[in-house]
Every structure is written in C-alpha cells, then in structure tokens.
Protein backbone atom coordinates (compact mmCIF):
# COMPACT_ATOMS: atom_id res chain seq x y z
CA MET A 1 92.85 38.78 -17.78
CA ILE A 2 89.89 38.86 -20.18
CA THR A 3 90.77 41.18 -23.03
CA SER A 4 87.26 41.92 -24.36
CA ALA A 5 83.71 40.60 -24.55
CA GLN A 6 84.42 39.39 -28.05
CA THR A 7 87.45 37.32 -27.06
CA THR A 8 85.60 35.99 -24.03
CA THR A 9 82.82 34.67 -26.24
CA GLN A 10 85.37 33.18 -28.60
CA ALA A 11 87.19 31.49 -25.72
CA ARG A 12 83.99 29.92 -24.43
CA GLY A 13 83.35 28.56 -27.88
CA ASN A 14 86.90 27.19 -28.12
CA ALA A 15 86.71 25.59 -24.69
CA ARG A 16 83.34 23.98 -25.33
CA GLY A 17 84.37 22.95 -28.80
CA SER A 18 87.19 20.83 -27.39
CA ARG A 19 85.72 17.37 -27.19
CA GLY A 20 85.31 16.08 -23.66
CA ARG A 21 86.96 19.13 -22.04
CA GLU A 22 83.98 20.96 -20.56
CA ILE A 23 83.23 20.29 -16.90
CA LEU A 24 79.48 20.00 -16.35
CA ARG A 25 79.21 17.79 -13.24
CA ILE A 26 81.56 17.70 -10.27
CA ALA A 27 81.54 15.10 -7.49
CA ALA A 28 83.35 15.65 -4.19
CA GLY A 29 84.24 12.89 -1.74
CA ILE A 30 83.22 13.81 1.82
CA ASP A 31 84.34 11.77 4.82
CA GLY A 32 83.53 13.76 7.95
CA PHE A 33 87.10 15.02 8.39
CA PRO A 34 88.46 18.50 7.57
CA GLU A 35 90.01 17.12 4.38
CA GLY A 36 86.50 16.34 3.15
CA ARG A 37 85.60 19.99 3.68
CA ASP A 38 88.69 20.89 1.63
CA ALA A 39 87.30 18.80 -1.24
CA ALA A 40 83.87 20.43 -0.97
CA ALA A 41 85.36 23.94 -0.91
CA LEU A 42 87.48 23.26 -4.01
CA ALA A 43 84.50 21.73 -5.82
CA HIS A 44 82.50 24.87 -5.05
CA VAL A 45 85.27 27.16 -6.35
CA LEU A 46 85.52 25.16 -9.58
CA SER A 47 81.75 25.10 -10.01
CA GLN A 48 81.62 28.89 -9.78
CA ALA A 49 84.14 29.12 -12.62
CA THR A 50 82.59 26.44 -14.84
CA GLY A 51 78.89 26.59 -13.99
CA ALA A 52 79.00 22.88 -13.16
CA GLU A 53 76.65 21.32 -10.66
CA VAL A 54 78.24 19.80 -7.54
CA LEU A 55 77.38 16.47 -5.95
CA LEU A 56 78.73 15.86 -2.44
CA VAL A 57 79.21 12.13 -1.83
CA ALA A 58 79.65 10.37 1.51
CA VAL A 59 80.45 6.65 1.64
CA HIS A 60 79.51 4.57 4.65
CA SER A 61 80.06 0.90 5.37
CA ALA A 62 77.26 -1.63 5.62
CA ALA A 63 76.88 -3.19 9.04
CA LEU A 64 78.42 -6.67 9.11
CA LEU A 65 76.09 -7.95 11.80
CA PRO A 66 72.90 -6.55 13.34
CA VAL A 67 74.62 -6.03 16.71
CA GLY A 68 72.71 -2.94 17.70
CA PRO A 69 71.05 0.26 16.55
CA GLU A 70 74.36 2.16 16.66
CA LEU A 71 75.76 0.05 13.79
CA SER A 72 72.61 -0.45 11.76
CA TYR A 73 72.56 0.47 8.07
CA ARG A 74 69.94 3.11 8.75
CA ARG A 75 72.00 4.72 11.51
CA LEU A 76 75.15 4.75 9.36
CA ARG A 77 73.27 6.35 6.49
CA GLN A 78 71.72 8.97 8.76
CA GLU A 79 75.18 9.90 10.06
CA ALA A 80 76.50 10.21 6.49
CA GLU A 81 73.56 12.44 5.58
CA ARG A 82 74.18 14.60 8.66
CA ILE A 83 77.81 15.11 7.64
CA LEU A 84 76.80 15.99 4.07
CA HIS A 85 74.26 18.53 5.33
CA GLU A 86 76.84 20.26 7.52
CA VAL A 87 79.49 20.37 4.80
CA ARG A 88 77.03 21.65 2.21
CA ASN A 89 75.94 24.48 4.50
CA SER A 90 79.48 25.50 5.40
CA ASP A 91 81.50 24.93 2.22
CA ALA A 92 79.38 24.18 -0.85
CA PRO A 93 75.95 25.81 -0.78
CA ALA A 94 73.40 24.72 -3.38
CA SER A 95 75.17 21.40 -3.89
CA ARG A 96 73.29 18.13 -4.20
CA THR A 97 74.16 15.23 -1.90
CA ALA A 98 74.30 11.47 -2.20
CA THR A 99 75.31 8.58 0.03
CA ALA A 100 76.76 5.23 -1.00
CA SER A 101 77.38 2.05 0.91
CA ASP A 102 80.45 -0.09 0.30
CA PHE A 103 83.37 -1.54 2.24
CA SER A 104 85.64 0.06 -0.38
CA VAL A 105 85.44 3.85 -0.51
CA PRO A 106 87.25 4.13 -3.89
CA ARG A 107 84.93 1.55 -5.44
CA ALA A 108 81.87 3.41 -4.17
CA LEU A 109 83.14 6.75 -5.50
CA LEU A 110 83.88 5.18 -8.86
CA ARG A 111 80.34 3.79 -8.99
CA VAL A 112 78.75 7.14 -8.08
CA VAL A 113 80.86 9.06 -10.62
CA ARG A 114 79.84 6.67 -13.38
CA ARG A 115 76.17 6.66 -12.40
CA HIS A 116 75.93 10.45 -12.36
CA HIS A 117 78.17 10.96 -15.42
CA CYS A 118 80.56 13.26 -13.55
CA ASP A 119 83.38 14.95 -15.43
CA LEU A 120 85.49 15.63 -12.33
CA LEU A 121 85.98 14.09 -8.90
CA VAL A 122 87.45 16.24 -6.14
CA VAL A 123 89.06 14.68 -3.08
CA GLY A 124 91.05 15.92 -0.11
CA SER A 125 94.63 15.16 0.81
CA ALA A 126 95.74 12.52 3.28
CA ARG A 127 95.14 13.49 6.91
CA GLU A 128 98.80 12.95 7.79
CA GLY A 129 99.99 15.28 5.03
CA PRO A 130 101.51 18.74 5.64
CA GLU A 131 99.23 21.74 5.96
CA GLY A 132 98.87 23.71 2.73
CA ARG A 133 100.26 20.90 0.60
CA ILE A 134 98.90 17.98 -1.38
CA GLN A 135 99.67 14.44 -0.35
CA ILE A 136 97.45 11.68 -1.65
CA GLY A 137 96.65 8.65 0.46
CA ASP A 138 95.98 5.00 -0.32
CA ARG A 139 92.33 5.56 -1.25
CA THR A 140 93.13 8.21 -3.85
CA ARG A 141 95.90 6.03 -5.25
CA GLN A 142 93.38 3.23 -5.78
CA LEU A 143 91.35 5.59 -7.97
CA LEU A 144 94.26 6.28 -10.32
CA GLY A 145 94.19 4.13 -13.42
CA GLN A 146 90.48 3.39 -12.98
CA PHE A 147 88.97 6.78 -13.63
CA LYS A 148 87.77 8.05 -16.98
CA CYS A 149 87.12 11.50 -15.57
CA ALA A 150 89.47 14.16 -14.25
CA LEU A 151 90.64 14.12 -10.64
CA ALA A 152 91.34 17.18 -8.49
CA VAL A 153 93.04 17.12 -5.10
CA ALA A 154 92.74 19.91 -2.54
CA PRO A 155 95.65 20.88 -0.29
CA ARG A 156 95.11 20.33 3.43
CA GLY A 157 93.40 23.28 5.07
CA LEU A 158 91.99 24.79 1.86
CA HIS A 159 88.47 25.11 3.30
CA ALA A 160 89.69 27.67 5.84
CA LYS A 161 90.56 30.05 3.00
CA PRO A 162 89.21 28.91 -0.39
CA PRO A 163 91.24 30.40 -3.24
CA ARG A 164 90.03 32.83 -5.83
CA LEU A 165 91.18 31.53 -9.18
CA ARG A 166 93.31 34.43 -10.34
CA ARG A 167 96.18 32.40 -11.82
CA ILE A 168 96.02 28.91 -13.29
CA GLY A 169 99.14 26.98 -14.20
CA VAL A 170 99.36 24.31 -16.90
CA GLY A 171 102.16 21.81 -17.36
CA TYR A 172 102.93 21.58 -21.07
CA ASP A 173 105.21 19.19 -22.97
CA GLY A 174 103.76 19.34 -26.48
CA GLY A 175 101.88 16.03 -26.39
CA PRO A 176 98.12 15.43 -26.73
CA GLU A 177 97.91 14.86 -22.97
CA ALA A 178 99.27 18.37 -22.39
CA GLN A 179 96.79 19.81 -24.91
CA ALA A 180 93.96 18.11 -23.01
CA ALA A 181 95.18 19.78 -19.82
CA LEU A 182 95.39 23.13 -21.60
CA ASP A 183 91.81 22.77 -22.87
CA VAL A 184 90.51 22.12 -19.35
CA ALA A 185 92.50 25.01 -17.93
CA ALA A 186 91.10 27.30 -20.64
CA SER A 187 87.51 26.34 -19.86
CA ILE A 188 88.06 27.11 -16.15
CA ALA A 189 90.01 30.32 -16.75
CA VAL A 190 87.33 31.85 -18.98
CA GLY A 191 84.67 31.54 -16.29
CA ALA A 192 86.99 32.65 -13.50
CA GLY A 193 88.56 35.53 -15.43
CA ALA A 194 91.93 34.07 -14.55
CA GLU A 195 95.34 34.46 -16.10
CA VAL A 196 97.00 31.29 -17.36
CA ARG A 197 100.64 30.35 -17.03
CA VAL A 198 101.61 27.74 -19.61
CA GLN A 199 104.80 26.21 -18.28
CA ALA A 200 106.86 24.05 -20.60
CA VAL A 201 109.94 22.24 -19.33
CA VAL A 202 112.79 20.71 -21.30
CA ASP A 203 114.53 18.01 -19.30
CA ASP A 204 118.20 18.85 -19.67
CA ARG A 205 119.58 15.84 -17.84
CA PRO A 206 122.11 14.06 -20.06
CA PRO A 207 121.60 10.48 -21.29
CA PRO A 208 122.53 7.70 -18.85
CA PHE A 209 126.25 7.63 -19.43
CA SER A 210 129.12 9.25 -17.61
CA TRP A 211 128.69 13.03 -17.79
CA SER A 212 132.11 13.51 -16.29
CA GLY A 213 133.64 11.73 -19.27
CA LEU A 214 132.21 14.19 -21.80
CA SER A 215 134.61 16.62 -23.35
CA GLY A 216 134.01 20.35 -23.24
CA ARG A 217 132.96 20.26 -26.90
CA LEU A 218 130.34 17.59 -26.27
CA ARG A 219 129.02 19.56 -23.32
CA ALA A 220 128.64 22.61 -25.53
CA GLU A 221 126.86 20.59 -28.21
CA TRP A 222 124.49 19.18 -25.57
CA ASP A 223 123.67 22.71 -24.37
CA GLU A 224 123.02 23.82 -27.95
CA LEU A 225 120.68 20.87 -28.45
CA ILE A 226 118.74 21.79 -25.29
CA GLU A 227 118.51 25.45 -26.34
CA ASP A 228 117.15 24.42 -29.75
CA GLU A 229 114.56 22.19 -28.12
CA MET A 230 113.53 25.01 -25.79
CA ALA A 231 113.02 27.33 -28.75
CA GLN A 232 110.88 24.74 -30.53
CA MET A 233 108.88 24.11 -27.36
CA ARG A 234 108.27 27.82 -26.89
CA ASP A 235 106.91 28.13 -30.44
CA GLN A 236 104.66 25.10 -29.94
CA ALA A 237 103.35 26.24 -26.54
CA THR A 238 102.70 29.76 -27.85
CA ALA A 239 100.73 28.39 -30.79
CA ALA A 240 98.72 26.09 -28.53
CA ALA A 241 97.84 28.93 -26.14
CA ARG A 242 97.00 31.51 -28.83
CA PRO A 243 93.24 30.65 -29.11
CA MET A 244 92.73 31.24 -25.39
CA ALA A 245 90.94 34.41 -24.41
CA PRO A 246 92.64 34.89 -21.01
CA HIS A 247 96.10 36.31 -21.40
CA ALA A 248 98.39 33.27 -21.58
CA ASP A 249 101.88 33.72 -20.20
CA VAL A 250 104.07 31.10 -21.88
CA ALA A 251 107.32 30.16 -20.18
CA VAL A 252 109.93 27.54 -21.00
CA ALA A 253 112.46 26.30 -18.47
CA ARG A 254 115.16 23.67 -18.48
CA GLY A 255 115.56 21.18 -15.67
CA ARG A 256 113.65 18.40 -13.97
CA PRO A 257 109.94 18.90 -14.84
CA SER A 258 108.73 18.00 -11.36
CA ASP A 259 111.00 20.61 -9.75
CA VAL A 260 109.84 23.38 -12.11
CA LEU A 261 106.14 22.58 -11.68
CA LEU A 262 106.43 22.27 -7.90
CA GLU A 263 107.94 25.75 -7.89
CA LEU A 264 105.12 26.98 -10.13
CA SER A 265 102.51 25.53 -7.74
CA ALA A 266 103.58 28.07 -5.11
CA THR A 267 102.63 30.97 -7.40
CA VAL A 268 99.27 29.84 -8.85
CA ASP A 269 95.86 28.96 -7.41
CA LEU A 270 95.32 25.83 -9.50
CA LEU A 271 97.73 23.62 -11.43
CA VAL A 272 96.41 21.46 -14.31
CA ILE A 273 98.42 18.54 -15.68
CA GLY A 274 97.82 15.76 -18.19
CA SER A 275 98.34 12.05 -17.73
CA ARG A 276 101.54 10.32 -18.74
CA ARG A 277 102.06 9.68 -22.44
CA TRP A 278 101.71 5.89 -22.45
CA GLY A 279 98.96 3.59 -21.23
CA PRO A 280 95.26 3.07 -22.01
CA ALA A 281 93.43 5.98 -23.61
CA HIS A 282 90.85 7.85 -21.54
CA ARG A 283 92.46 6.83 -18.24
CA LEU A 284 94.07 8.85 -15.47
CA LEU A 285 97.69 7.68 -15.22
CA LEU A 286 100.57 9.42 -13.49
CA GLY A 287 104.19 9.51 -14.51
CA SER A 288 107.08 10.56 -12.28
CA THR A 289 106.18 14.25 -12.60
CA GLY A 290 102.54 13.66 -11.65
CA GLU A 291 103.62 11.51 -8.71
CA ALA A 292 105.86 14.28 -7.39
CA LEU A 293 103.05 16.84 -7.68
CA MET A 294 100.59 14.55 -5.92
CA HIS A 295 103.00 14.51 -2.98
CA GLY A 296 104.01 18.12 -2.65
CA SER A 297 102.03 20.61 -4.74
CA ALA A 298 101.40 23.87 -2.89
CA CYS A 299 98.09 24.52 -4.69
CA ALA A 300 95.08 22.55 -5.82
CA LEU A 301 96.01 20.02 -8.51
CA LEU A 302 93.78 18.85 -11.36
CA ALA A 303 94.87 15.83 -13.42
CA VAL A 304 93.22 15.23 -16.80
CA PRO A 305 92.83 11.72 -18.34
CA ARG A 306 94.54 10.74 -21.55
CA PRO A 307 92.46 11.78 -24.58
CA THR A 308 90.92 9.12 -26.76
CA GLU A 309 92.42 10.76 -29.81
CA PRO A 310 95.05 13.45 -30.35
CA SER A 311 93.83 16.98 -29.63
C-alpha cells in the first residue's frame, strides 16, 4: 500500500539509490513450450512494475551437417523467430526479440545476458514439474553460480493467469544478501503498488548433539536463547524495512527457514530471496533454503546475487 505521493517519491529514490538493485533490462528464455510462455508472462509483469525493457530470447542449435533444408541454420533461425513472434503477441507485447545459436542453451543465455547488460533473466520451470509450482531443471541449474544478474523462475502454468503483484514476500536473515533481496523487492513494490511481507526466520533446531539427553533446564535455556534471537531479528528487520514506502509487514518465525518460506509462497505473488552467505561475490548461489524454494515454491521466485560489498 502506497501511503502518499511523498513517500512514493522517497521510496523510488531509496530503491534507485541502492547500488545495483534497479532492474532496467529483463531477458526471458523462450523455448517453444508453455513454460517459455510462463517466463515471458512473468517478465512482462515485472517490466510493468519496474519500467524495464524486455528481451525475449530463443536459442536454437546449429545444424551439424547440411542434410537438408529442414535442418539448415536459416530454417532453424526462422522457426525460433516464429516462436518469439507468437509469444510476444500473446504474453509480452512491446518486447524486443533475439535469437542465439549454440548447442548449450545455458551458455547461449549467459552470452545474451552479458551482451545486452541485462539485470534479470526469467526462465520457466521444468516441463515435468507440478502445475502451479516451481521446479527447476538441468538447464536452469547450469546457470546457477555463473550469473552475475538476478534470476527469476515462473511457476508452471503462470501464463494462463499472470499475477498482479499485490503482495511481495522477502526472505530476511539480517545478512547483506538479505538486504540485497529487500532492495530489489522494494524497487518492484514501489512500481506495482504492492505490499511487502518481510519474513525473518530463526532456525530453532538444536546443535547436533542428542536433544533427548538435554535436561529440562537446558531446554528452557535454549528456548530463551531462541526468543532473544527472534527479538533481535525483529528489530533488525523492522529497521531495514523502515525506508520502504509500501507498507512493510515484518514477521519473525522460528523453525526451518525453507518450511516457513514455502508456506509464505502460497500467500504472495512474488518471493524474493538472496544468495547464500558464502561464495564468490556478485554470483547467484543457492543454499539449502534456496534449493528447497527452487523445487516447490507456489509463486514466482526471484533470486538476487551476492552483493559485491555489504549493503
């Protein structure tokens, strides 16, 4: 909910002032299957919220041998262009289109994203995945760890009913990766007029020793420690969300982070997460929570690369 024109202007300034957080160019991988239409539809929804331009990309293989006109490079390119034209007309009007030739689809997408300086790549879920859920396939997995831009995945069947971004969820754990995710969510929410749910989770699983051997006193002390950490996390998340113009609903839960965020994905239109806390800077890397979301989220998922410096 946008509170006033003044706070809206302030939020746009905050979002654009966050280095590397504004989405200006979006690429969407199109493959001629319904999941490619899902990617195009999500890219269009995000472009309406951010004002970003959309580039629909179709990758075709080069013919190994000149065995006939059906497998010629020209014929393969024409077919890719036909698919792009149909998808643009049905799911992403006013988008630009581009074709690429490579025997590796992930490698071609990586090349196109770099060449066009895209801030976000949108892909569809695996064709064998459940309807209405996210499940990444081998090609998307090959992109992880290579990308310097954000990656969004559309649930299967999204193109049949593209979402209106009314609620955006953000996974928050207090680290710079979570702040990067919050910055991206803020920039999208301002343009969409969406509410933001900042969801922090304190993992309350005990250390790897026998829980059954703990005395009642130690159990009580462990619960007190978790409650203290939840209070600290709430204060930190509230402070981080304060500059945002859309009303930010901050919540803190205890439990397994993947379980809490999967539950949240059923109540929001877009879920934004950061990369894991360790690994190369400015890369898209998933931890156990990100892996679980990439194989079960009930809404579109946007993963943000690790920042080059703390936010």
